Amino acid sequence: MGATERIAELMKAMHEREIGEMLDFAEFLLAKRDREKTEAWATLDKYAGRYDGAKWQREELYDRAGLR
């Protein structure tokens, strides 16, 4: 039995108020997912255009003053 079928079975044994709480929670989860997706895209947008596509040499990365 999959999750959808299991939830349907559980709902048959619940009162209307409890089903309403489940609905509220499901809507919360969807809103949370959308919010997290929006935040992830905002992070990508924040750094958009910073990489110019230039090739780099690994050895040059270790020659920085902060690594000495």
Protein backbone atom coordinates (compact mmCIF):
# COMPACT_ATOMS: atom_id res chain seq x y z
CA MET A 1 0.00 0.00 0.00
CA GLY A 2 1.41 3.36 -1.02
CA ALA A 3 1.41 6.52 1.02
CA THR A 4 -1.61 7.96 -0.80
CA GLU A 5 -3.71 4.88 -0.08
CA ARG A 6 -2.55 4.81 3.55
CA ILE A 7 -3.54 8.46 4.04
CA ALA A 8 -6.94 7.78 2.48
CA GLU A 9 -7.48 4.87 4.89
CA LEU A 10 -6.49 6.98 7.89
CA MET A 11 -8.81 9.79 6.83
CA LYS A 12 -11.78 7.41 6.81
CA ALA A 13 -11.31 6.94 10.56
CA MET A 14 -10.92 10.67 11.34
CA HIS A 15 -13.36 13.37 12.27
CA GLU A 16 -13.86 16.36 9.97
CA ARG A 17 -11.84 18.61 12.28
CA GLU A 18 -8.86 16.24 12.16
CA ILE A 19 -9.07 16.04 8.38
CA GLY A 20 -9.04 19.84 8.32
CA GLU A 21 -5.83 19.81 10.35
CA MET A 22 -4.28 17.39 7.88
CA LEU A 23 -5.28 19.68 5.05
CA ASP A 24 -3.72 22.67 6.81
CA PHE A 25 -0.50 20.73 7.32
CA ALA A 26 -0.38 19.60 3.69
CA GLU A 27 -0.86 23.19 2.53
CA PHE A 28 1.91 24.29 4.91
CA LEU A 29 4.28 21.71 3.42
CA LEU A 30 3.53 22.89 -0.12
CA ALA A 31 4.06 26.52 0.85
CA LYS A 32 7.34 25.61 2.56
CA ARG A 33 8.56 23.81 -0.57
CA ASP A 34 7.66 26.80 -2.75
CA ARG A 35 9.37 29.19 -0.32
CA GLU A 36 12.56 27.08 -0.27
CA LYS A 37 12.57 26.90 -4.06
CA THR A 38 12.15 30.68 -4.28
CA GLU A 39 15.02 31.20 -1.82
CA ALA A 40 17.27 28.86 -3.82
CA TRP A 41 16.59 30.77 -7.04
CA ALA A 42 17.20 34.05 -5.23
CA THR A 43 20.62 32.78 -4.18
CA LEU A 44 21.45 31.86 -7.76
CA ASP A 45 20.21 35.24 -8.99
CA LYS A 46 22.38 36.95 -6.39
CA TYR A 47 25.52 35.51 -8.02
CA ALA A 48 24.35 35.64 -11.62
CA GLY A 49 26.93 37.04 -14.01
CA ARG A 50 29.88 36.78 -11.64
CA TYR A 51 31.56 33.95 -13.53
CA ASP A 52 32.92 35.13 -16.83
CA GLY A 53 33.77 31.67 -18.16
CA ALA A 54 37.50 32.27 -18.00
CA LYS A 55 39.72 29.22 -17.72
CA TRP A 56 41.76 28.90 -14.55
CA GLN A 57 44.77 26.90 -13.49
CA ARG A 58 44.56 24.86 -10.31
CA GLU A 59 48.13 25.77 -9.30
CA GLU A 60 47.24 29.47 -9.35
CA LEU A 61 44.53 28.88 -6.77
CA TYR A 62 47.10 27.72 -4.24
CA ASP A 63 49.27 30.80 -4.79
CA ARG A 64 46.96 33.16 -2.93
CA ALA A 65 48.16 35.22 0.02
CA GLY A 66 45.37 33.92 2.24
CA LEU A 67 46.59 30.36 1.92
CA ARG A 68 50.12 31.05 3.06
